[in-house]
Amino acid sequence: MHLNNSKIIVIKIGSSLLVDKNQKVRKKWLSSFAKDIHKLKDKNKKIVIVSSGAIALGCKKMNFNKRSIKLDKSQAIASIGQIELMNLFSQTFAKYKLNISQILLTLEDTEERRRSLNAKRTFENLFNLGFIPIVNENDTIATTEIKYGDNDRLASRVAQITDADTLILLSDVDGLYTKNPKVFKDSKLIKEVDDLKKDLKEINIKGINEFGSGGMQTKIEAAKVCQLAGCGMVIANGLYSNPISRIIEKNNCTWFNPKVSKLDARKKWIISSIAPKGSIIIDDGAKKALRSGKSLLAAGIKKISGKFNKGDHIKILDRKNIEFARGLSSFTSDEIIKIMGHHSNEIEKLLGYVAKSEVIHKDDMVEV
């Protein structure tokens, strides 16, 4: 259904899907999951996997009980388990000729604009190289204050950063029910949610929450982030083999539909940004080009003011010094001084390294 139209898909796996209650690794399941990913890659889908399991695998290796570990010790255990986790993915995915990479993120990496832009570029470059990024929270250094606390929220932020079309949360239940399905036989699976407030008004999320391994509350929080980012989200049962194929074939899950388009979400984020760090004055030709939906190139820039970095929020002024747009710069102010007034094919020679041709991409710009 929705997955066939998705170009970028983020999939979150809980630790209970990788390691069972007896601390046994579910290798057969992971192999079936890799087969699903191979099918998606064959359809030219870009995939990101957000995986829990580092602490669970670290505990297995050290023969520790996960419940009795304090934060400082759990960071060391996560460090040990991280290698186990990546080896597990590497060995399993290699059988299906799937290349993987690892990205460790903290809350600050996604909340701070410049760092989130750097993360976005890393994801884009990995997609271009044909690699599948496997993301985990950086448990080895994150303190309680800067932790996401769960991978549902981390996955929704990754979906936001990568401009994903769909986030799949693989859970231990088929989706969101009207009541707790493990207690009430008359509970019904909610197939689609458009408006979180309206559609879930009668549902006691906390009542359902007690029995889920990841917790339904955090999944609803993740849905909020996705809906405002123009990304669809699905909660589906991951305990079955080939869980992604099952979503496509049976669609026995809960879909959360986006509230806005991805482009609208991005532009709203740009326009609501805090005080711009600088400004660019452009000529009439460039202004006309921007008005017709083109990106801003170096050739049309006449003057800049302020000191800013890549990803910073800047004003775009016309020759009369009147602001008519805002955007996120692909270059630092120092770099723009070197390249302004020049054609895009001269940028590499002027800077001494390969760079983007657009100073501000049309998707990173909003007229005011």
Protein backbone atom coordinates (compact mmCIF):
# COMPACT_ATOMS: atom_id res chain seq x y z
CA MET A 1 0.00 0.00 0.00
CA HIS A 2 1.84 3.12 1.24
CA LEU A 3 5.29 1.47 1.00
CA ASN A 4 5.16 1.06 -2.77
CA ASN A 5 5.16 4.85 -3.18
CA SER A 6 7.89 5.46 -0.56
CA LYS A 7 11.37 6.33 -1.80
CA ILE A 8 13.03 6.66 1.62
CA ILE A 9 12.00 4.23 4.38
CA VAL A 10 13.22 4.21 8.00
CA ILE A 11 12.69 0.93 9.88
CA LYS A 12 12.98 0.67 13.65
CA ILE A 13 13.75 -2.71 15.24
CA GLY A 14 13.31 -3.31 18.97
CA SER A 15 15.83 -5.43 20.89
CA SER A 16 13.16 -8.10 21.58
CA LEU A 17 13.10 -8.85 17.84
CA LEU A 18 16.85 -9.52 17.78
CA VAL A 19 17.28 -11.28 21.13
CA ASP A 20 14.59 -13.50 22.68
CA LYS A 21 13.71 -13.81 26.40
CA ASN A 22 16.35 -16.53 26.86
CA GLN A 23 19.05 -14.19 25.46
CA LYS A 24 19.22 -16.20 22.23
CA VAL A 25 19.87 -14.25 19.04
CA ARG A 26 17.00 -14.66 16.55
CA LYS A 27 19.27 -15.29 13.55
CA LYS A 28 16.55 -16.90 11.42
CA TRP A 29 14.33 -13.83 11.90
CA LEU A 30 17.16 -11.42 11.01
CA SER A 31 17.87 -13.42 7.87
CA SER A 32 14.21 -13.13 6.80
CA PHE A 33 14.35 -9.39 7.54
CA ALA A 34 17.49 -9.02 5.39
CA LYS A 35 15.64 -10.79 2.55
CA ASP A 36 12.86 -8.17 2.86
CA ILE A 37 15.42 -5.35 2.73
CA HIS A 38 16.97 -6.89 -0.39
CA LYS A 39 13.53 -6.80 -2.08
CA LEU A 40 13.10 -3.11 -1.17
CA LYS A 41 16.59 -2.27 -2.47
CA ASP A 42 15.74 -4.02 -5.75
CA LYS A 43 12.90 -1.49 -6.11
CA ASN A 44 15.41 1.37 -5.63
CA LYS A 45 14.19 2.23 -2.12
CA LYS A 46 16.62 4.02 0.21
CA ILE A 47 16.62 2.27 3.58
CA VAL A 48 17.71 3.35 7.08
CA ILE A 49 17.53 0.90 9.99
CA VAL A 50 17.29 2.17 13.57
CA SER A 51 18.18 -0.78 15.74
CA SER A 52 18.12 -1.41 19.47
CA GLY A 53 20.00 -4.36 20.89
CA ALA A 54 23.49 -3.12 21.81
CA ILE A 55 22.90 -3.44 25.57
CA ALA A 56 21.02 -6.76 25.18
CA LEU A 57 23.87 -8.25 23.13
CA GLY A 58 26.48 -6.80 25.50
CA CYS A 59 24.68 -8.46 28.42
CA LYS A 60 24.58 -11.75 26.52
CA LYS A 61 28.31 -11.63 25.85
CA MET A 62 29.17 -10.73 29.46
CA ASN A 63 26.46 -12.98 30.93
CA PHE A 64 24.87 -10.09 32.84
CA ASN A 65 21.25 -9.47 33.78
CA LYS A 66 20.06 -6.37 31.88
CA ARG A 67 17.65 -5.27 34.62
CA SER A 68 20.33 -4.96 37.31
CA ILE A 69 22.68 -2.67 35.35
CA LYS A 70 23.08 1.03 36.27
CA LEU A 71 23.57 3.78 33.64
CA ASP A 72 27.37 4.13 33.92
CA LYS A 73 27.85 0.37 33.60
CA SER A 74 25.25 0.10 30.84
CA GLN A 75 27.35 2.53 28.76
CA ALA A 76 30.31 0.14 28.94
CA ILE A 77 28.02 -2.81 28.16
CA ALA A 78 26.59 -0.87 25.16
CA SER A 79 30.14 -0.32 23.91
CA ILE A 80 30.79 -4.08 24.01
CA GLY A 81 27.39 -4.90 22.50
CA GLN A 82 27.69 -2.35 19.69
CA ILE A 83 30.37 -4.46 17.97
CA GLU A 84 28.29 -7.62 18.49
CA LEU A 85 25.27 -5.86 16.96
CA MET A 86 27.13 -4.61 13.89
CA ASN A 87 28.83 -7.99 13.35
CA LEU A 88 25.42 -9.63 13.48
CA PHE A 89 24.03 -7.26 10.84
CA SER A 90 27.20 -7.41 8.73
CA GLN A 91 27.31 -11.23 8.60
CA THR A 92 23.57 -11.60 7.92
CA PHE A 93 23.24 -8.80 5.36
CA ALA A 94 26.40 -9.87 3.46
CA LYS A 95 24.58 -13.08 2.44
CA TYR A 96 22.14 -10.89 0.51
CA LYS A 97 24.91 -8.63 -0.88
CA LEU A 98 23.71 -5.71 1.26
CA ASN A 99 26.32 -3.15 2.37
CA ILE A 100 25.85 -1.55 5.79
CA SER A 101 27.35 1.36 7.69
CA GLN A 102 26.97 2.53 11.28
CA ILE A 103 25.76 5.91 12.54
CA LEU A 104 25.67 6.67 16.27
CA LEU A 105 23.52 9.65 17.23
CA THR A 106 22.76 11.57 20.40
CA LEU A 107 19.76 13.83 20.99
CA GLU A 108 21.93 16.91 20.37
CA ASP A 109 22.92 15.65 16.91
CA THR A 110 19.32 15.95 15.72
CA GLU A 111 18.13 18.92 17.79
CA GLU A 112 20.94 21.30 16.83
CA ARG A 113 20.34 22.51 13.27
CA ARG A 114 23.92 22.47 11.97
CA ARG A 115 24.61 19.02 13.34
CA SER A 116 21.35 17.67 11.96
CA LEU A 117 22.29 19.09 8.54
CA ASN A 118 25.66 17.31 8.75
CA ALA A 119 23.84 14.09 9.66
CA LYS A 120 21.49 14.59 6.69
CA ARG A 121 24.46 14.95 4.31
CA THR A 122 26.03 11.76 5.70
CA PHE A 123 22.80 9.84 5.08
CA GLU A 124 22.56 11.25 1.52
CA ASN A 125 26.15 10.27 0.72
CA LEU A 126 25.59 6.75 2.07
CA PHE A 127 22.44 6.41 -0.07
CA ASN A 128 24.45 7.49 -3.13
CA LEU A 129 27.09 4.86 -2.33
CA GLY A 130 24.36 2.20 -2.09
CA PHE A 131 24.87 1.59 1.65
CA ILE A 132 22.24 1.01 4.33
CA PRO A 133 22.90 3.14 7.45
CA ILE A 134 22.23 1.34 10.71
CA VAL A 135 21.52 3.92 13.40
CA ASN A 136 21.66 3.57 17.15
CA GLU A 137 21.62 5.99 20.02
CA ASN A 138 25.13 6.63 21.21
CA ASP A 139 24.54 4.86 24.55
CA THR A 140 28.26 4.78 25.29
CA ILE A 141 28.49 8.55 25.91
CA ALA A 142 24.92 9.83 26.31
CA THR A 143 23.92 10.89 29.81
CA THR A 144 20.34 10.70 31.09
CA GLU A 145 19.81 14.40 30.28
CA ILE A 146 20.80 14.07 26.62
CA LYS A 147 19.29 10.66 25.91
CA TYR A 148 16.32 9.98 23.70
CA GLY A 149 15.43 7.24 26.15
CA ASP A 150 13.98 5.00 23.46
CA ASN A 151 14.48 4.26 19.80
CA ASP A 152 10.90 5.12 18.75
CA ARG A 153 11.65 8.81 19.26
CA LEU A 154 15.13 8.49 17.74
CA ALA A 155 13.61 6.80 14.67
CA SER A 156 11.07 9.62 14.20
CA ARG A 157 13.89 12.20 14.29
CA VAL A 158 15.92 10.15 11.78
CA ALA A 159 12.84 10.03 9.54
CA GLN A 160 12.59 13.82 9.85
CA ILE A 161 16.30 14.43 9.07
CA THR A 162 16.38 12.08 6.07
CA ASP A 163 13.10 13.43 4.61
CA ALA A 164 11.74 9.87 4.78
CA ASP A 165 8.39 9.02 3.24
CA THR A 166 7.59 6.28 5.75
CA LEU A 167 8.73 5.21 9.22
CA ILE A 168 8.05 1.57 10.14
CA LEU A 169 8.02 0.77 13.87
CA LEU A 170 8.28 -3.00 14.24
CA SER A 171 6.61 -3.89 17.53
CA ASP A 172 5.38 -7.01 19.37
CA VAL A 173 1.73 -6.20 18.51
CA ASP A 174 -0.07 -5.75 15.16
CA GLY A 175 -0.63 -2.05 15.79
CA LEU A 176 -2.73 0.30 17.88
CA TYR A 177 -5.93 -1.22 19.31
CA THR A 178 -9.05 0.35 20.79
CA LYS A 179 -8.24 -1.51 24.06
CA ASN A 180 -5.45 -3.75 25.28
CA PRO A 181 -5.75 -6.83 23.00
CA LYS A 182 -4.09 -9.06 25.63
CA VAL A 183 -6.85 -8.31 28.13
CA PHE A 184 -9.98 -7.46 26.10
CA LYS A 185 -11.27 -9.84 23.44
CA ASP A 186 -13.50 -7.14 21.93
CA SER A 187 -10.54 -4.85 21.18
CA LYS A 188 -10.23 -3.78 17.54
CA LEU A 189 -7.17 -2.89 15.48
CA ILE A 190 -7.22 0.75 14.32
CA LYS A 191 -6.14 0.61 10.68
CA GLU A 192 -5.67 4.30 9.96
CA VAL A 193 -5.14 7.50 11.94
CA ASP A 194 -5.41 10.94 10.33
CA ASP A 195 -5.86 13.16 13.36
CA LEU A 196 -4.19 12.01 16.59
CA LYS A 197 -6.38 14.11 18.88
CA LYS A 198 -9.67 13.33 17.21
CA ASP A 199 -9.11 9.68 16.23
CA LEU A 200 -7.58 8.62 19.56
CA LYS A 201 -9.83 10.67 21.87
CA GLU A 202 -11.66 7.61 23.25
CA ILE A 203 -8.56 5.42 23.63
CA ASN A 204 -6.69 4.92 26.88
CA ILE A 205 -3.12 4.78 25.55
CA LYS A 206 -1.64 4.27 29.03
CA GLY A 207 -3.90 1.26 29.56
CA ILE A 208 -2.53 -0.31 26.39
CA ASN A 209 0.97 0.88 27.21
CA GLU A 210 1.59 -1.40 30.20
CA PHE A 211 1.90 -4.53 28.11
CA GLY A 212 3.91 -3.33 25.12
CA SER A 213 7.67 -3.86 25.18
CA GLY A 214 8.48 -0.44 23.68
CA GLY A 215 5.41 1.28 25.04
CA MET A 216 2.57 2.64 22.93
CA GLN A 217 2.95 6.17 24.33
CA THR A 218 6.40 6.64 22.76
CA LYS A 219 5.03 5.38 19.45
CA ILE A 220 2.28 8.01 19.54
CA GLU A 221 4.95 10.66 20.29
CA ALA A 222 6.90 9.39 17.27
CA ALA A 223 3.73 9.64 15.14
CA LYS A 224 3.35 13.33 16.13
CA VAL A 225 6.88 14.11 14.89
CA CYS A 226 6.29 12.18 11.64
CA GLN A 227 2.91 13.75 10.89
CA LEU A 228 4.34 17.27 11.21
CA ALA A 229 7.37 16.30 9.10
CA GLY A 230 5.17 15.09 6.24
CA CYS A 231 6.14 11.47 6.84
CA GLY A 232 3.79 8.49 7.10
CA MET A 233 4.26 6.05 9.99
CA VAL A 234 3.17 2.46 10.53
CA ILE A 235 3.14 0.30 13.67
CA ALA A 236 3.35 -3.37 12.69
CA ASN A 237 4.12 -6.73 14.26
CA GLY A 238 7.77 -7.56 13.81
CA LEU A 239 7.75 -10.96 15.52
CA TYR A 240 6.82 -12.74 12.28
CA SER A 241 9.36 -13.76 9.65
CA ASN A 242 9.60 -11.40 6.66
CA PRO A 243 7.86 -8.58 8.59
CA ILE A 244 8.11 -5.99 5.79
CA SER A 245 6.62 -8.30 3.14
CA ARG A 246 3.82 -8.99 5.62
CA ILE A 247 2.99 -5.26 5.84
CA ILE A 248 2.83 -5.02 2.03
CA GLU A 249 0.81 -8.22 1.53
CA LYS A 250 -1.53 -8.29 4.56
CA ASN A 251 -1.56 -4.64 5.71
CA ASN A 252 -2.64 -5.84 9.17
CA CYS A 253 -1.19 -2.81 10.97
CA THR A 254 -1.86 0.82 11.97
CA TRP A 255 -1.01 3.65 9.56
CA PHE A 256 -0.56 7.26 10.70
CA ASN A 257 -1.00 9.58 7.74
CA PRO A 258 1.05 12.79 7.42
CA LYS A 259 -0.69 16.11 8.12
CA VAL A 260 1.36 18.12 5.63
CA SER A 261 3.56 17.49 2.59
CA LYS A 262 7.29 17.01 3.19
CA LEU A 263 8.10 20.24 1.38
CA ASP A 264 5.54 22.25 3.36
CA ALA A 265 6.93 20.83 6.64
CA ARG A 266 10.46 21.81 5.66
CA LYS A 267 9.48 25.32 4.58
CA LYS A 268 7.48 25.87 7.75
CA TRP A 269 10.57 24.88 9.75
CA ILE A 270 12.72 27.38 7.80
CA ILE A 271 10.30 30.29 8.13
CA SER A 272 9.82 29.72 11.87
CA SER A 273 13.58 29.62 12.53
CA ILE A 274 15.13 32.00 15.00
CA ALA A 275 16.96 35.21 13.99
CA PRO A 276 18.87 34.82 10.70
CA LYS A 277 22.68 34.81 10.96
CA GLY A 278 23.33 37.00 7.92
CA SER A 279 22.01 38.20 4.57
CA ILE A 280 22.71 37.96 0.84
CA ILE A 281 21.95 40.70 -1.70
CA ILE A 282 21.18 39.36 -5.18
CA ASP A 283 20.70 40.89 -8.64
CA ASP A 284 17.41 41.22 -10.53
CA GLY A 285 18.10 38.17 -12.71
CA ALA A 286 18.62 35.93 -9.68
CA LYS A 287 15.49 37.34 -8.03
CA LYS A 288 13.46 36.50 -11.14
CA ALA A 289 14.94 32.98 -11.18
CA LEU A 290 14.07 32.41 -7.48
CA ARG A 291 10.52 33.66 -8.09
CA SER A 292 10.13 31.04 -10.81
CA GLY A 293 11.18 28.25 -8.42
CA LYS A 294 14.92 28.02 -9.15
CA SER A 295 17.78 27.63 -6.63
CA LEU A 296 20.15 30.51 -5.79
CA LEU A 297 23.49 30.27 -7.61
CA ALA A 298 26.71 32.13 -6.85
CA ALA A 299 26.58 34.13 -10.11
CA GLY A 300 23.57 36.18 -8.94
CA ILE A 301 25.05 37.27 -5.60
CA LYS A 302 26.21 40.90 -5.35
CA LYS A 303 27.04 41.29 -1.65
CA ILE A 304 26.81 39.44 1.68
CA SER A 305 26.74 40.58 5.30
CA GLY A 306 27.20 38.73 8.58
CA LYS A 307 29.29 35.70 9.46
CA PHE A 308 27.57 32.32 9.13
CA ASN A 309 28.20 28.61 8.68
CA LYS A 310 26.78 25.92 6.42
CA GLY A 311 23.17 25.22 7.29
CA ASP A 312 22.63 28.61 8.94
CA HIS A 313 19.43 30.53 8.36
CA ILE A 314 19.96 33.65 6.21
CA LYS A 315 17.92 36.45 4.60
CA ILE A 316 17.82 37.02 0.84
CA LEU A 317 17.53 40.70 -0.15
CA ASP A 318 17.02 42.33 -3.54
CA ARG A 319 19.05 45.28 -4.90
CA LYS A 320 16.86 47.72 -2.94
CA ASN A 321 17.76 45.91 0.31
CA ILE A 322 14.21 44.56 0.64
CA GLU A 323 13.94 41.05 2.09
CA PHE A 324 11.86 38.74 -0.08
CA ALA A 325 13.05 35.23 0.93
CA ARG A 326 14.84 33.19 3.59
CA GLY A 327 16.82 30.00 3.34
CA LEU A 328 19.50 27.65 4.62
CA SER A 329 22.97 28.29 3.21
CA SER A 330 24.93 25.43 1.62
CA PHE A 331 28.16 27.44 2.14
CA THR A 332 29.87 29.44 4.87
CA SER A 333 29.99 33.26 4.51
CA ASP A 334 33.76 33.04 3.84
CA GLU A 335 33.16 30.59 0.98
CA ILE A 336 30.43 32.79 -0.56
CA ILE A 337 32.79 35.81 -0.56
CA LYS A 338 35.20 33.75 -2.73
CA ILE A 339 32.59 32.44 -5.18
CA MET A 340 29.96 35.23 -5.49
CA GLY A 341 29.51 36.58 -9.00
CA HIS A 342 31.11 33.48 -10.51
CA HIS A 343 29.58 30.64 -12.49
CA SER A 344 28.95 27.29 -10.79
CA ASN A 345 31.59 25.49 -12.90
CA GLU A 346 34.26 27.77 -11.38
CA ILE A 347 33.44 26.92 -7.73
CA GLU A 348 35.79 23.92 -7.42
CA LYS A 349 38.74 25.93 -8.79
CA LEU A 350 37.99 28.94 -6.54
CA LEU A 351 37.58 26.92 -3.33
CA GLY A 352 40.07 24.15 -4.07
CA TYR A 353 37.57 21.37 -3.39
CA VAL A 354 34.33 19.95 -4.76
CA ALA A 355 31.19 21.65 -3.46
CA LYS A 356 27.50 21.98 -4.28
CA SER A 357 26.51 24.25 -7.17
CA GLU A 358 23.55 25.85 -5.32
CA VAL A 359 24.29 28.44 -2.63
CA ILE A 360 20.72 27.95 -1.37
CA HIS A 361 18.73 25.03 -2.76
CA LYS A 362 15.14 25.78 -3.79
CA ASP A 363 13.85 23.20 -1.24
CA ASP A 364 15.70 25.10 1.51
CA MET A 365 14.15 28.47 0.61
CA VAL A 366 10.87 30.22 1.39
CA GLU A 367 9.53 33.52 0.07
CA VAL A 368 8.44 35.93 2.82
